[in-house]
Each structure stands twice: as C-alpha cells, then as structure tokens.
Amino acid sequence: MHDFAFYIFCGIAIIIAVLILKKVAGCLFKSVLTAIVVALLVVAYFLVFKQD
C-alpha cells in the first residue's frame, strides 16, 4: 500500500507541475509578445520619424 500512495502522490505532483507550467508559460508568452511589439514601435520610430 505504501507504493500505491507514492504513485498517487507522484501523479498529483505531475498534474500540479503541468498546471503551474501552463500559467507561467502563458505569462511568459504575453511578456515576450509585448517586448516584440515595443521593439517594433522603437524601430518604426527611428526609421520613420528620425529622418535627418
């Protein structure tokens, strides 16, 4: 019975780890997307509005 409880605990730990990873990955994706948009706006500013 000790091994069975260990396998249940490992299964629950894996499920929780996957759920946490999904939350972190979603936030990380949004952060990377925001950084890309900001970088594109900076490039557009320097290419379009800084014509000397």
PDB file of N, CA and C in Angstrom:
ATOM      1  N   MET A   1       0.814  -1.191   0.000  1.00  0.00           N
ATOM      2  CA  MET A   1       0.000   0.000   0.000  1.00  0.00           C
ATOM      3  C   MET A   1       0.863   1.263   0.000  1.00  0.00           C
ATOM      4  N   HIS A   2       2.064   1.163   0.505  1.00  0.00           N
ATOM      5  CA  HIS A   2       2.965   2.312   0.550  1.00  0.00           C
ATOM      6  C   HIS A   2       3.348   2.739  -0.864  1.00  0.00           C
ATOM      7  N   ASP A   3       3.610   1.776  -1.752  1.00  0.00           N
ATOM      8  CA  ASP A   3       3.957   2.097  -3.133  1.00  0.00           C
ATOM      9  C   ASP A   3       2.790   2.747  -3.864  1.00  0.00           C
ATOM     10  N   PHE A   4       1.572   2.290  -3.593  1.00  0.00           N
ATOM     11  CA  PHE A   4       0.393   2.852  -4.236  1.00  0.00           C
ATOM     12  C   PHE A   4       0.221   4.323  -3.857  1.00  0.00           C
ATOM     13  N   ALA A   5       0.401   4.659  -2.604  1.00  0.00           N
ATOM     14  CA  ALA A   5       0.293   6.048  -2.149  1.00  0.00           C
ATOM     15  C   ALA A   5       1.387   6.902  -2.789  1.00  0.00           C
ATOM     16  N   PHE A   6       2.569   6.334  -2.942  1.00  0.00           N
ATOM     17  CA  PHE A   6       3.671   7.052  -3.581  1.00  0.00           C
ATOM     18  C   PHE A   6       3.338   7.378  -5.032  1.00  0.00           C
ATOM     19  N   TYR A   7       2.763   6.426  -5.756  1.00  0.00           N
ATOM     20  CA  TYR A   7       2.393   6.659  -7.155  1.00  0.00           C
ATOM     21  C   TYR A   7       1.274   7.695  -7.267  1.00  0.00           C
ATOM     22  N   ILE A   8       0.327   7.677  -6.351  1.00  0.00           N
ATOM     23  CA  ILE A   8      -0.736   8.688  -6.356  1.00  0.00           C
ATOM     24  C   ILE A   8      -0.140  10.063  -6.098  1.00  0.00           C
ATOM     25  N   PHE A   9       0.774  10.159  -5.119  1.00  0.00           N
ATOM     26  CA  PHE A   9       1.427  11.431  -4.826  1.00  0.00           C
ATOM     27  C   PHE A   9       2.206  11.930  -6.038  1.00  0.00           C
ATOM     28  N   CYS A  10       2.945  11.056  -6.721  1.00  0.00           N
ATOM     29  CA  CYS A  10       3.701  11.454  -7.919  1.00  0.00           C
ATOM     30  C   CYS A  10       2.760  11.925  -9.024  1.00  0.00           C
ATOM     31  N   GLY A  11       1.650  11.261  -9.211  1.00  0.00           N
ATOM     32  CA  GLY A  11       0.679  11.659 -10.225  1.00  0.00           C
ATOM     33  C   GLY A  11       0.107  13.035  -9.941  1.00  0.00           C
ATOM     34  N   ILE A  12      -0.258  13.277  -8.683  1.00  0.00           N
ATOM     35  CA  ILE A  12      -0.790  14.589  -8.303  1.00  0.00           C
ATOM     36  C   ILE A  12       0.274  15.665  -8.479  1.00  0.00           C
ATOM     37  N   ALA A  13       1.527  15.363  -8.108  1.00  0.00           N
ATOM     38  CA  ALA A  13       2.611  16.336  -8.256  1.00  0.00           C
ATOM     39  C   ALA A  13       2.844  16.678  -9.725  1.00  0.00           C
ATOM     40  N   ILE A  14       2.764  15.699 -10.607  1.00  0.00           N
ATOM     41  CA  ILE A  14       2.952  15.939 -12.040  1.00  0.00           C
ATOM     42  C   ILE A  14       1.825  16.814 -12.589  1.00  0.00           C
ATOM     43  N   ILE A  15       0.589  16.545 -12.168  1.00  0.00           N
ATOM     44  CA  ILE A  15      -0.551  17.339 -12.631  1.00  0.00           C
ATOM     45  C   ILE A  15      -0.406  18.789 -12.171  1.00  0.00           C
ATOM     46  N   ILE A  16      -0.024  18.999 -10.915  1.00  0.00           N
ATOM     47  CA  ILE A  16       0.158  20.362 -10.394  1.00  0.00           C
ATOM     48  C   ILE A  16       1.293  21.061 -11.123  1.00  0.00           C
ATOM     49  N   ALA A  17       2.383  20.341 -11.394  1.00  0.00           N
ATOM     50  CA  ALA A  17       3.508  20.941 -12.110  1.00  0.00           C
ATOM     51  C   ALA A  17       3.098  21.370 -13.514  1.00  0.00           C
ATOM     52  N   VAL A  18       2.299  20.576 -14.196  1.00  0.00           N
ATOM     53  CA  VAL A  18       1.831  20.931 -15.544  1.00  0.00           C
ATOM     54  C   VAL A  18       0.942  22.163 -15.491  1.00  0.00           C
ATOM     55  N   LEU A  19       0.062  22.243 -14.505  1.00  0.00           N
ATOM     56  CA  LEU A  19      -0.816  23.410 -14.390  1.00  0.00           C
ATOM     57  C   LEU A  19      -0.013  24.677 -14.098  1.00  0.00           C
ATOM     58  N   ILE A  20       0.971  24.592 -13.216  1.00  0.00           N
ATOM     59  CA  ILE A  20       1.815  25.748 -12.922  1.00  0.00           C
ATOM     60  C   ILE A  20       2.613  26.147 -14.155  1.00  0.00           C
ATOM     61  N   LEU A  21       3.132  25.170 -14.881  1.00  0.00           N
ATOM     62  CA  LEU A  21       3.896  25.456 -16.095  1.00  0.00           C
ATOM     63  C   LEU A  21       3.034  26.154 -17.135  1.00  0.00           C
ATOM     64  N   LYS A  22       1.770  25.760 -17.253  1.00  0.00           N
ATOM     65  CA  LYS A  22       0.865  26.416 -18.204  1.00  0.00           C
ATOM     66  C   LYS A  22       0.663  27.883 -17.828  1.00  0.00           C
ATOM     67  N   LYS A  23       0.480  28.155 -16.540  1.00  0.00           N
ATOM     68  CA  LYS A  23       0.286  29.538 -16.090  1.00  0.00           C
ATOM     69  C   LYS A  23       1.532  30.375 -16.379  1.00  0.00           C
ATOM     70  N   VAL A  24       2.702  29.858 -16.045  1.00  0.00           N
ATOM     71  CA  VAL A  24       3.958  30.586 -16.255  1.00  0.00           C
ATOM     72  C   VAL A  24       4.226  30.774 -17.739  1.00  0.00           C
ATOM     73  N   ALA A  25       3.977  29.754 -18.539  1.00  0.00           N
ATOM     74  CA  ALA A  25       4.214  29.849 -19.980  1.00  0.00           C
ATOM     75  C   ALA A  25       3.287  30.879 -20.608  1.00  0.00           C
ATOM     76  N   GLY A  26       2.051  30.955 -20.160  1.00  0.00           N
ATOM     77  CA  GLY A  26       1.120  31.949 -20.691  1.00  0.00           C
ATOM     78  C   GLY A  26       1.584  33.360 -20.376  1.00  0.00           C
ATOM     79  N   CYS A  27       2.043  33.570 -19.164  1.00  0.00           N
ATOM     80  CA  CYS A  27       2.533  34.885 -18.764  1.00  0.00           C
ATOM     81  C   CYS A  27       3.819  35.217 -19.523  1.00  0.00           C
ATOM     82  N   LEU A  28       4.684  34.239 -19.667  1.00  0.00           N
ATOM     83  CA  LEU A  28       5.940  34.454 -20.380  1.00  0.00           C
ATOM     84  C   LEU A  28       5.674  34.784 -21.842  1.00  0.00           C
ATOM     85  N   PHE A  29       4.710  34.115 -22.452  1.00  0.00           N
ATOM     86  CA  PHE A  29       4.355  34.384 -23.847  1.00  0.00           C
ATOM     87  C   PHE A  29       3.854  35.808 -24.011  1.00  0.00           C
ATOM     88  N   LYS A  30       3.010  36.258 -23.077  1.00  0.00           N
ATOM     89  CA  LYS A  30       2.499  37.627 -23.143  1.00  0.00           C
ATOM     90  C   LYS A  30       3.631  38.637 -22.982  1.00  0.00           C
ATOM     91  N   SER A  31       4.571  38.350 -22.096  1.00  0.00           N
ATOM     92  CA  SER A  31       5.704  39.259 -21.884  1.00  0.00           C
ATOM     93  C   SER A  31       6.576  39.351 -23.132  1.00  0.00           C
ATOM     94  N   VAL A  32       6.857  38.217 -23.759  1.00  0.00           N
ATOM     95  CA  VAL A  32       7.673  38.211 -24.971  1.00  0.00           C
ATOM     96  C   VAL A  32       6.944  38.941 -26.100  1.00  0.00           C
ATOM     97  N   LEU A  33       5.659  38.721 -26.236  1.00  0.00           N
ATOM     98  CA  LEU A  33       4.883  39.398 -27.271  1.00  0.00           C
ATOM     99  C   LEU A  33       4.883  40.909 -27.058  1.00  0.00           C
ATOM    100  N   THR A  34       4.747  41.353 -25.820  1.00  0.00           N
ATOM    101  CA  THR A  34       4.791  42.782 -25.512  1.00  0.00           C
ATOM    102  C   THR A  34       6.160  43.366 -25.847  1.00  0.00           C
ATOM    103  N   ALA A  35       7.225  42.638 -25.522  1.00  0.00           N
ATOM    104  CA  ALA A  35       8.575  43.114 -25.830  1.00  0.00           C
ATOM    105  C   ALA A  35       8.788  43.237 -27.334  1.00  0.00           C
ATOM    106  N   ILE A  36       8.251  42.315 -28.107  1.00  0.00           N
ATOM    107  CA  ILE A  36       8.381  42.370 -29.565  1.00  0.00           C
ATOM    108  C   ILE A  36       7.632  43.583 -30.120  1.00  0.00           C
ATOM    109  N   VAL A  37       6.434  43.841 -29.615  1.00  0.00           N
ATOM    110  CA  VAL A  37       5.651  44.993 -30.088  1.00  0.00           C
ATOM    111  C   VAL A  37       6.379  46.289 -29.751  1.00  0.00           C
ATOM    112  N   VAL A  38       6.932  46.396 -28.550  1.00  0.00           N
ATOM    113  CA  VAL A  38       7.676  47.601 -28.170  1.00  0.00           C
ATOM    114  C   VAL A  38       8.896  47.775 -29.065  1.00  0.00           C
ATOM    115  N   ALA A  39       9.605  46.678 -29.340  1.00  0.00           N
ATOM    116  CA  ALA A  39      10.782  46.759 -30.208  1.00  0.00           C
ATOM    117  C   ALA A  39      10.386  47.220 -31.614  1.00  0.00           C
ATOM    118  N   LEU A  40       9.288  46.728 -32.141  1.00  0.00           N
ATOM    119  CA  LEU A  40       8.828  47.145 -33.462  1.00  0.00           C
ATOM    120  C   LEU A  40       8.449  48.632 -33.484  1.00  0.00           C
ATOM    121  N   LEU A  41       7.838  49.102 -32.403  1.00  0.00           N
ATOM    122  CA  LEU A  41       7.493  50.524 -32.331  1.00  0.00           C
ATOM    123  C   LEU A  41       8.741  51.397 -32.273  1.00  0.00           C
ATOM    124  N   VAL A  42       9.757  50.958 -31.552  1.00  0.00           N
ATOM    125  CA  VAL A  42      11.013  51.719 -31.482  1.00  0.00           C
ATOM    126  C   VAL A  42      11.687  51.762 -32.855  1.00  0.00           C
ATOM    127  N   VAL A  43      11.721  50.629 -33.544  1.00  0.00           N
ATOM    128  CA  VAL A  43      12.313  50.578 -34.881  1.00  0.00           C
ATOM    129  C   VAL A  43      11.536  51.477 -35.835  1.00  0.00           C
ATOM    130  N   ALA A  44      10.223  51.435 -35.772  1.00  0.00           N
ATOM    131  CA  ALA A  44       9.410  52.292 -36.641  1.00  0.00           C
ATOM    132  C   ALA A  44       9.665  53.759 -36.339  1.00  0.00           C
ATOM    133  N   TYR A  45       9.818  54.104 -35.075  1.00  0.00           N
ATOM    134  CA  TYR A  45      10.095  55.490 -34.712  1.00  0.00           C
ATOM    135  C   TYR A  45      11.409  55.961 -35.321  1.00  0.00           C
ATOM    136  N   PHE A  46      12.451  55.135 -35.170  1.00  0.00           N
ATOM    137  CA  PHE A  46      13.754  55.557 -35.679  1.00  0.00           C
ATOM    138  C   PHE A  46      13.828  55.536 -37.205  1.00  0.00           C
ATOM    139  N   LEU A  47      13.095  54.656 -37.857  1.00  0.00           N
ATOM    140  CA  LEU A  47      13.125  54.602 -39.320  1.00  0.00           C
ATOM    141  C   LEU A  47      12.248  55.663 -39.976  1.00  0.00           C
ATOM    142  N   VAL A  48      11.127  56.011 -39.355  1.00  0.00           N
ATOM    143  CA  VAL A  48      10.176  56.912 -39.980  1.00  0.00           C
ATOM    144  C   VAL A  48      10.336  58.349 -39.494  1.00  0.00           C
ATOM    145  N   PHE A  49      10.393  58.550 -38.191  1.00  0.00           N
ATOM    146  CA  PHE A  49      10.347  59.898 -37.643  1.00  0.00           C
ATOM    147  C   PHE A  49      11.714  60.526 -37.412  1.00  0.00           C
ATOM    148  N   LYS A  50      12.781  59.772 -37.470  1.00  0.00           N
ATOM    149  CA  LYS A  50      14.105  60.328 -37.230  1.00  0.00           C
ATOM    150  C   LYS A  50      14.883  60.494 -38.529  1.00  0.00           C
ATOM    151  N   GLN A  51      14.220  60.900 -39.579  1.00  0.00           N
ATOM    152  CA  GLN A  51      14.895  61.142 -40.853  1.00  0.00           C
ATOM    153  C   GLN A  51      15.541  62.524 -40.809  1.00  0.00           C
ATOM    154  N   ASP A  52      16.842  62.586 -40.808  1.00  0.00           N
ATOM    155  CA  ASP A  52      17.566  63.871 -40.749  1.00  0.00           C
ATOM    156  C   ASP A  52      17.864  64.407 -42.115  1.00  0.00           C
TER     157      ASP A  52
END
